[in-house]
Protein backbone atom coordinates (compact mmCIF):
# COMPACT_ATOMS: atom_id res chain seq x y z
CA UNK A 1 -6.28 34.52 37.04
CA UNK A 2 -4.93 38.02 37.27
CA UNK A 3 -4.05 40.00 40.34
CA UNK A 4 -2.46 43.36 40.99
CA UNK A 5 0.82 43.63 42.86
CA UNK A 6 1.86 47.18 43.70
CA UNK A 7 0.08 48.49 40.62
CA UNK A 8 1.60 45.89 38.30
CA UNK A 9 -0.54 43.32 36.61
CA UNK A 10 0.55 39.73 37.27
CA UNK A 11 -0.75 36.82 35.19
CA UNK A 12 -0.25 33.40 36.73
CA UNK A 13 0.73 30.64 34.30
CA UNK A 14 -1.74 27.90 33.43
CA UNK A 15 -1.33 24.62 31.57
CA UNK A 16 -1.82 24.94 27.81
CA UNK A 17 -5.07 23.84 26.25
CA UNK A 18 -5.29 21.16 23.60
CA UNK A 19 -3.78 22.36 20.34
CA UNK A 20 -1.67 25.01 22.07
CA UNK A 21 2.05 24.36 21.95
CA UNK A 22 4.23 26.59 24.10
CA UNK A 23 7.75 27.04 22.82
CA UNK A 24 10.35 24.54 23.97
CA UNK A 25 12.82 27.19 25.15
CA UNK A 26 15.11 24.65 26.80
CA UNK A 27 15.19 22.35 23.77
CA UNK A 28 14.01 19.40 25.85
CA UNK A 29 12.26 17.75 22.89
CA UNK A 30 14.49 19.01 20.13
CA UNK A 31 15.93 15.61 19.27
CA UNK A 32 12.54 13.94 18.85
CA UNK A 33 11.26 16.98 16.91
CA UNK A 34 14.23 16.77 14.51
CA UNK A 35 13.69 13.04 13.99
CA UNK A 36 10.06 13.73 13.15
CA UNK A 37 10.96 16.54 10.74
CA UNK A 38 13.58 14.35 9.02
CA UNK A 39 11.02 11.58 8.67
CA UNK A 40 8.56 14.01 7.08
CA UNK A 41 11.16 15.21 4.60
CA UNK A 42 12.03 11.60 3.66
CA UNK A 43 8.35 10.76 3.10
CA UNK A 44 7.19 13.79 1.06
CA UNK A 45 5.65 15.48 4.14
CA UNK A 46 3.11 12.68 4.70
CA UNK A 47 2.55 12.46 8.47
CA UNK A 48 0.90 9.03 8.21
CA UNK A 49 4.35 7.60 7.40
CA UNK A 50 5.90 9.10 10.54
CA UNK A 51 3.48 8.09 13.28
CA UNK A 52 6.15 6.52 15.51
CA UNK A 53 8.25 9.68 15.38
CA UNK A 54 5.28 11.97 16.01
CA UNK A 55 4.13 9.81 18.92
CA UNK A 56 7.62 10.01 20.46
CA UNK A 57 7.58 13.79 20.04
CA UNK A 58 4.12 14.15 21.63
CA UNK A 59 5.17 11.87 24.49
CA UNK A 60 8.22 14.03 25.14
CA UNK A 61 6.09 17.19 25.20
CA UNK A 62 3.51 15.62 27.53
CA UNK A 63 6.20 14.29 29.89
CA UNK A 64 7.70 17.78 30.22
CA UNK A 65 4.38 19.64 30.56
CA UNK A 66 4.82 21.37 27.20
CA UNK A 67 1.36 20.18 26.29
CA UNK A 68 -1.60 18.81 28.16
CA UNK A 69 -1.63 15.03 28.62
CA UNK A 70 -4.10 13.25 26.36
CA UNK A 71 -5.00 9.69 25.53
CA UNK A 72 -3.48 8.56 22.23
CA UNK A 73 -6.95 8.14 20.75
CA UNK A 74 -7.62 11.83 21.41
CA UNK A 75 -4.52 12.70 19.39
CA UNK A 76 -5.59 10.65 16.38
CA UNK A 77 -3.72 7.40 17.04
CA UNK A 78 -6.79 5.18 17.38
CA UNK A 79 -6.46 3.82 13.86
CA UNK A 80 -2.93 2.64 14.71
CA UNK A 81 -4.30 0.48 17.54
CA UNK A 82 -6.86 -1.10 15.22
CA UNK A 83 -4.11 -2.04 12.78
CA UNK A 84 -2.04 -3.63 15.55
CA UNK A 85 -5.04 -5.65 16.76
CA UNK A 86 -5.63 -6.99 13.24
CA UNK A 87 -2.06 -8.37 12.99
């Protein structure tokens, strides 16, 4: 992945691996991130109470290539599907 250009080392960018979150320098997902953080603060920092907000945030990041695209089950949302099927 590296090459030398006139004696300077150049590293070509690659997509982030799972669990690696590059910074959102442009603030593309800032609104969904803030909604998620507000939800956490309202629910004593219990992420299980903010699954809709976290899913929206992950979707924003995946849509803008700020994280690798994954199936929802891979991100821990499989139990949510089971609950919906039981209703």
